[in-house]
Protein backbone atom coordinates (compact mmCIF):
# COMPACT_ATOMS: atom_id res chain seq x y z
CA UNK A 1 -8.40 17.35 3.77
CA UNK A 2 -5.22 15.72 3.12
CA UNK A 3 -2.79 12.94 3.67
CA UNK A 4 0.97 13.90 3.84
CA UNK A 5 3.70 11.82 5.32
CA UNK A 6 7.34 12.05 5.71
CA UNK A 7 9.52 8.90 5.81
CA UNK A 8 13.65 7.92 5.91
CA UNK A 9 14.54 6.31 2.74
CA UNK A 10 17.69 4.08 3.33
CA UNK A 11 19.67 3.09 -0.25
CA UNK A 12 22.88 2.40 -0.09
CA UNK A 13 24.76 3.96 2.51
CA UNK A 14 22.70 6.83 2.00
CA UNK A 15 19.82 8.26 4.06
CA UNK A 16 17.10 10.90 2.76
CA UNK A 17 14.55 12.47 4.65
CA UNK A 18 11.45 12.45 2.03
CA UNK A 19 8.12 14.33 2.36
CA UNK A 20 4.69 13.90 0.58
CA UNK A 21 1.24 14.68 0.16
CA UNK A 22 -1.68 14.74 -1.99
CA UNK A 23 -2.18 17.67 -4.22
CA UNK A 24 -5.99 18.66 -2.83
CA UNK A 25 -7.50 21.79 -1.01
CA UNK A 26 -11.49 21.79 -0.76
CA UNK A 27 -13.89 23.94 0.60
CA UNK A 28 -17.24 24.54 -1.29
CA UNK A 29 -15.19 22.47 -4.26
CA UNK A 30 -11.99 21.92 -4.76
CA UNK A 31 -8.53 22.11 -6.40
CA UNK A 32 -6.39 19.52 -7.27
CA UNK A 33 -3.19 21.48 -7.51
CA UNK A 34 -1.97 23.09 -3.82
CA UNK A 35 1.27 23.09 -2.42
CA UNK A 36 1.15 21.20 0.90
CA UNK A 37 4.99 20.32 0.81
CA UNK A 38 6.87 23.74 2.33
CA UNK A 39 10.87 23.51 1.97
CA UNK A 40 11.80 26.22 4.64
CA UNK A 41 14.78 28.87 3.86
CA UNK A 42 17.61 27.62 5.32
CA UNK A 43 17.59 24.42 3.25
CA UNK A 44 18.04 21.39 5.88
CA UNK A 45 14.29 21.06 6.82
CA UNK A 46 10.50 20.78 5.41
CA UNK A 47 7.33 21.38 7.08
CA UNK A 48 3.42 19.52 5.39
CA UNK A 49 0.33 20.00 6.94
CA UNK A 50 -3.27 18.35 7.16
CA UNK A 51 -6.74 19.97 7.59
CA UNK A 52 -7.53 23.82 7.96
CA UNK A 53 -5.69 26.44 5.47
CA UNK A 54 -6.90 28.92 7.49
CA UNK A 55 -4.68 27.89 10.66
CA UNK A 56 -2.06 26.03 8.75
CA UNK A 57 -0.66 29.01 5.55
CA UNK A 58 -0.89 31.69 7.34
CA UNK A 59 1.82 29.93 10.14
CA UNK A 60 3.57 28.46 7.53
CA UNK A 61 4.13 31.76 5.61
CA UNK A 62 5.45 33.36 9.00
CA UNK A 63 7.74 30.19 9.99
CA UNK A 64 9.40 30.81 6.35
CA UNK A 65 9.38 34.63 7.78
CA UNK A 66 10.72 33.94 10.88
CA UNK A 67 13.83 31.79 9.94
CA UNK A 68 14.56 34.29 7.12
CA UNK A 69 14.77 36.95 9.11
CA UNK A 70 16.68 35.27 12.28
CA UNK A 71 20.54 35.21 10.96
CA UNK A 72 21.69 32.24 12.46
CA UNK A 73 18.05 29.81 12.33
CA UNK A 74 18.61 31.13 8.49
CA UNK A 75 22.49 30.19 8.64
CA UNK A 76 21.36 26.50 10.39
CA UNK A 77 23.62 27.99 13.43
CA UNK A 78 19.91 27.21 15.24
CA UNK A 79 20.26 23.49 15.12
CA UNK A 80 17.02 21.87 13.60
CA UNK A 81 15.53 20.60 16.86
CA UNK A 82 15.65 24.11 18.39
CA UNK A 83 13.85 25.76 15.27
CA UNK A 84 11.18 22.24 16.21
CA UNK A 85 10.50 24.12 19.11
CA UNK A 86 10.02 27.85 17.73
CA UNK A 87 7.86 26.18 15.52
CA UNK A 88 5.51 25.04 17.80
CA UNK A 89 5.75 28.26 19.73
CA UNK A 90 4.95 30.27 16.51
CA UNK A 91 2.03 27.92 16.24
CA UNK A 92 0.60 28.95 19.60
CA UNK A 93 0.89 31.94 19.58
CA UNK A 94 -1.19 32.34 15.97
CA UNK A 95 -3.98 30.18 17.31
CA UNK A 96 -4.26 32.51 20.33
CA UNK A 97 -4.58 35.43 18.19
CA UNK A 98 -7.12 34.13 16.43
CA UNK A 99 -10.46 36.71 16.76
CA UNK A 100 -14.01 36.10 15.74
CA UNK A 101 -13.97 32.63 15.88
CA UNK A 102 -16.64 29.94 16.55
CA UNK A 103 -15.42 28.52 19.50
CA UNK A 104 -16.82 24.98 18.30
CA UNK A 105 -15.79 25.21 14.31
CA UNK A 106 -12.59 26.42 15.82
CA UNK A 107 -11.94 23.80 18.55
CA UNK A 108 -12.54 21.40 15.65
CA UNK A 109 -10.24 22.49 13.02
CA UNK A 110 -7.30 22.36 15.37
CA UNK A 111 -7.88 19.03 15.95
CA UNK A 112 -8.53 18.33 12.04
CA UNK A 113 -5.01 20.12 11.79
CA UNK A 114 -1.99 18.71 11.94
CA UNK A 115 1.19 19.41 10.16
CA UNK A 116 4.82 17.26 9.93
CA UNK A 117 7.90 18.70 10.86
CA UNK A 118 11.30 17.68 9.99
CA UNK A 119 14.90 17.96 8.68
CA UNK A 120 18.75 16.95 9.88
CA UNK A 121 20.65 18.02 13.05
CA UNK A 122 23.79 19.10 12.47
CA UNK A 123 24.30 18.82 16.19
CA UNK A 124 22.75 15.13 16.02
CA UNK A 125 24.39 13.96 12.67
CA UNK A 126 21.11 12.84 11.91
CA UNK A 127 17.55 13.13 10.76
CA UNK A 128 14.58 13.79 12.89
CA UNK A 129 10.57 13.96 11.96
CA UNK A 130 7.94 14.86 14.15
CA UNK A 131 4.25 15.33 14.26
CA UNK A 132 2.57 18.54 15.74
CA UNK A 133 -0.69 17.84 16.84
CA UNK A 134 -3.13 19.85 19.31
CA UNK A 135 -3.86 18.67 22.48
CA UNK A 136 -7.30 20.06 23.68
CA UNK A 137 -6.64 19.18 27.47
CA UNK A 138 -3.53 21.25 27.14
CA UNK A 139 -5.39 23.92 24.58
CA UNK A 140 -1.90 23.92 22.94
CA UNK A 141 0.05 22.05 19.87
CA UNK A 142 2.71 19.81 21.13
CA UNK A 143 5.43 17.83 18.62
CA UNK A 144 5.60 14.30 19.03
CA UNK A 145 8.66 12.58 17.46
CA UNK A 146 8.67 9.79 15.40
CA UNK A 147 10.35 6.49 15.98
CA UNK A 148 9.26 6.18 19.53
CA UNK A 149 5.66 6.61 19.21
CA UNK A 150 2.46 5.41 16.61
CA UNK A 151 3.66 8.30 14.70
CA UNK A 152 6.28 5.44 13.56
CA UNK A 153 5.62 1.52 13.21
CA UNK A 154 8.43 -1.27 14.64
CA UNK A 155 7.72 -3.16 11.33
CA UNK A 156 7.36 -0.07 8.80
CA UNK A 157 10.73 1.97 9.49
CA UNK A 158 10.34 5.30 10.46
CA UNK A 159 7.62 7.27 8.79
CA UNK A 160 4.93 9.90 10.20
CA UNK A 161 1.43 10.29 8.90
CA UNK A 162 -1.15 12.77 9.21
CA UNK A 163 -4.65 13.79 7.57
CA UNK A 164 -7.16 11.19 6.06
CA UNK A 165 -7.39 7.32 5.33
CA UNK A 166 -4.78 6.29 7.71
CA UNK A 167 -6.16 3.27 8.38
CA UNK A 168 -6.53 2.23 4.39
CA UNK A 169 -2.18 4.13 4.20
CA UNK A 170 -0.93 1.62 6.80
CA UNK A 171 -2.99 -1.80 5.80
CA UNK A 172 -1.55 -1.01 1.97
CA UNK A 173 1.93 -0.05 3.31
CA UNK A 174 1.82 -2.98 5.12
CA UNK A 175 0.56 -4.97 2.52
CA UNK A 176 3.60 -3.99 0.03
CA UNK A 177 6.70 -4.03 2.61
CA UNK A 178 5.47 -7.80 3.19
CA UNK A 179 8.33 -9.33 0.77
CA UNK A 180 11.14 -6.63 2.52
CA UNK A 181 9.63 -7.29 5.93
CA UNK A 182 9.86 -11.66 5.67
CA UNK A 183 13.45 -11.17 4.57
CA UNK A 184 14.61 -8.87 6.95
CA UNK A 185 12.81 -10.93 9.97
CA UNK A 186 15.05 -14.19 8.65
CA UNK A 187 18.04 -11.94 7.90
CA UNK A 188 17.88 -10.05 11.51
CA UNK A 189 18.61 -6.28 9.41
CA UNK A 190 16.55 -3.63 9.42
CA UNK A 191 13.56 -3.06 7.60
CA UNK A 192 14.74 0.23 5.72
CA UNK A 193 11.86 2.33 3.10
CA UNK A 194 12.21 3.63 0.39
CA UNK A 195 10.10 4.63 -1.48
CA UNK A 196 6.89 2.81 -0.50
CA UNK A 197 5.11 4.92 0.77
CA UNK A 198 5.11 6.75 -2.21
CA UNK A 199 3.93 4.30 -4.34
CA UNK A 200 0.96 3.18 -2.08
CA UNK A 201 -0.18 7.47 -1.72
CA UNK A 202 -0.04 7.22 -5.98
CA UNK A 203 -1.99 4.38 -6.10
CA UNK A 204 -4.66 5.80 -3.64
CA UNK A 205 -4.72 8.87 -5.66
CA UNK A 206 -5.22 7.21 -8.86
CA UNK A 207 -8.32 5.10 -6.99
CA UNK A 208 -11.44 6.93 -7.11
CA UNK A 209 -12.63 5.37 -3.98
CA UNK A 210 -10.20 7.55 -2.57
CA UNK A 211 -10.47 10.79 -4.85
CA UNK A 212 -13.53 10.45 -6.25
CA UNK A 213 -16.18 13.59 -4.56
CA UNK A 214 -19.00 11.74 -5.37
CA UNK A 215 -17.57 7.99 -3.88
CA UNK A 216 -18.84 6.44 -0.64
CA UNK A 217 -15.52 7.88 0.92
CA UNK A 218 -15.98 11.45 -0.01
CA UNK A 219 -12.88 12.10 -1.97
CA UNK A 220 -10.40 13.99 0.52
CA UNK A 221 -7.32 13.83 -1.20
CA UNK A 222 -6.75 14.45 -5.08
CA UNK A 223 -4.12 15.57 -7.49
CA UNK A 224 -1.01 14.51 -8.46
CA UNK A 225 1.97 13.58 -5.31
CA UNK A 226 4.04 16.22 -4.14
CA UNK A 227 7.54 14.88 -3.63
CA UNK A 228 10.50 16.73 -1.86
CA UNK A 229 13.57 15.46 -0.56
CA UNK A 230 15.82 16.52 2.23
CA UNK A 231 19.76 15.57 1.99
CA UNK A 232 22.67 15.34 4.92
CA UNK A 233 24.39 17.42 3.26
CA UNK A 234 21.85 20.90 3.42
CA UNK A 235 19.63 20.74 0.92
CA UNK A 236 16.29 20.23 -0.53
CA UNK A 237 15.15 18.71 -3.88
CA UNK A 238 11.20 19.22 -5.21
CA UNK A 239 10.80 16.56 -7.55
CA UNK A 240 8.97 16.97 -10.85
CA UNK A 241 6.00 14.09 -10.76
CA UNK A 242 5.28 12.08 -13.35
CA UNK A 243 1.27 12.13 -13.73
CA UNK A 244 -1.76 11.29 -15.94
CA UNK A 245 -4.94 13.56 -16.14
CA UNK A 246 -7.62 12.83 -18.64
CA UNK A 247 -5.07 10.13 -20.13
CA UNK A 248 -2.91 13.17 -20.92
CA UNK A 249 0.71 12.66 -19.37
CA UNK A 250 1.85 15.60 -16.98
CA UNK A 251 4.66 16.95 -14.56
CA UNK A 252 3.31 18.09 -11.40
CA UNK A 253 5.87 20.18 -9.02
CA UNK A 254 4.34 21.29 -5.50
CA UNK A 255 1.04 20.03 -6.71
CA UNK A 256 0.91 22.21 -9.66
CA UNK A 257 0.95 20.35 -13.46
CA UNK A 258 3.88 22.02 -15.23
CA UNK A 259 2.57 23.68 -18.93
CA UNK A 260 3.55 22.34 -21.81
CA UNK A 261 5.91 25.59 -22.66
CA UNK A 262 8.03 25.72 -19.55
CA UNK A 263 11.55 24.67 -18.97
CA UNK A 264 12.62 22.83 -15.29
CA UNK A 265 15.29 21.50 -13.93
CA UNK A 266 13.81 19.32 -11.25
CA UNK A 267 14.43 15.73 -11.98
CA UNK A 268 11.29 13.44 -12.80
CA UNK A 269 9.85 10.61 -10.34
CA UNK A 270 7.99 7.79 -11.02
CA UNK A 271 5.41 7.84 -7.68
CA UNK A 272 4.82 4.20 -9.11
CA UNK A 273 8.52 2.85 -9.23
CA UNK A 274 10.74 5.19 -7.68
CA UNK A 275 12.47 5.99 -10.75
CA UNK A 276 14.37 8.82 -11.52
CA UNK A 277 14.55 10.47 -14.44
CA UNK A 278 15.96 13.41 -16.58
CA UNK A 279 13.35 14.32 -18.82
CA UNK A 280 14.36 18.39 -19.12
CA UNK A 281 16.73 20.35 -19.85
CA UNK A 282 17.31 23.76 -18.16
CA UNK A 283 17.49 26.67 -20.14
CA UNK A 284 20.74 26.62 -21.60
CA UNK A 285 20.44 22.43 -22.40
CA UNK A 286 22.24 21.46 -19.57
CA UNK A 287 22.05 17.50 -17.98
CA UNK A 288 20.01 17.57 -15.08
CA UNK A 289 20.50 15.31 -12.19
CA UNK A 290 18.78 14.27 -8.57
CA UNK A 291 22.07 14.57 -6.30
CA UNK A 292 23.24 11.25 -4.69
CA UNK A 293 20.17 9.86 -6.34
CA UNK A 294 20.67 8.90 -10.14
CA UNK A 295 22.80 5.59 -9.90
CA UNK A 296 22.25 3.46 -12.72
CA UNK A 297 19.41 5.51 -14.10
CA UNK A 298 20.41 7.06 -17.66
CA UNK A 299 20.46 10.53 -17.12
CA UNK A 300 19.44 11.65 -20.75
CA UNK A 301 16.12 9.88 -22.37
CA UNK A 302 16.39 11.71 -25.50
CA UNK A 303 13.72 14.11 -26.96
CA UNK A 304 12.24 11.16 -29.14
CA UNK A 305 10.79 9.46 -26.00
CA UNK A 306 9.07 12.86 -24.76
CA UNK A 307 5.24 12.82 -24.44
CA UNK A 308 3.67 14.71 -26.50
CA UNK A 309 2.78 18.25 -26.02
CA UNK A 310 5.63 18.25 -23.50
CA UNK A 311 9.10 19.42 -25.28
CA UNK A 312 9.75 22.99 -24.85
CA UNK A 313 9.51 24.70 -28.31
CA UNK A 314 13.33 26.06 -28.42
CA UNK A 315 15.79 25.17 -26.33
CA UNK A 316 17.99 27.43 -27.33
CA UNK A 317 16.47 30.26 -26.21
CA UNK A 318 15.90 30.80 -22.62
CA UNK A 319 12.55 31.51 -21.41
């Protein structure tokens, strides 16, 4: 199973839409390096899921194709709100063409499988986030916009969540935001989210209570967090998440642990603090910086500070 989320991050005068999830897929066993957040070809939106991969993966892959093969969708002539409508229609088409299913099992999988879709609307000049959930009475999926329903809490900013351990997540997030909420209440200011949801997610993934498959809660989530940001200037960025696996420091992008010899251009993020770093260089030694998000953070931490085994073998050669 899964925990996936999206929220509006406000920093200074800028807004970004952040998607995050765990990286565990389970069946007979489990794999902790699986992608659950997907950027779409038009670069202004993402989709994430929780639940059955047999429902989610074919749909998401074909959604990517639908956008890529339709010029007006690909170049963003079609606004994100209309893309959402097409995405829900495609998903409902897919569930209608499933064949050979066991009715009760398939019905249960549909209820367990939900999505978060969101991105930038050029028409409205703002971000939108929706939960896409199955309604048995209607026998189809519907989209529910975050911000005006239970997908968002009035005291927690605009956030949408799907998956497992949501009551525990909400409780931990409320506790994390207590100080900021008190200040906002005294000053009559809006409570804006930064990276508090990511910090709560990271703490849950590092806690055996939620990640141990043999534990009382069956360990339904696991792996490193995966993080993707969407910017108003129509660009998405996947982050390299700093993580520890069996006491070894690693970077993980979209759930996959990056091998020691790999060069990559993604900026890194500490999921517990929300701090950004540029711990690597591109193939030609170019410094990489997260657009609009690296102010006050050193752009080059230096090779001497690299964890053992992470430094590429030869910066002078492309790999």
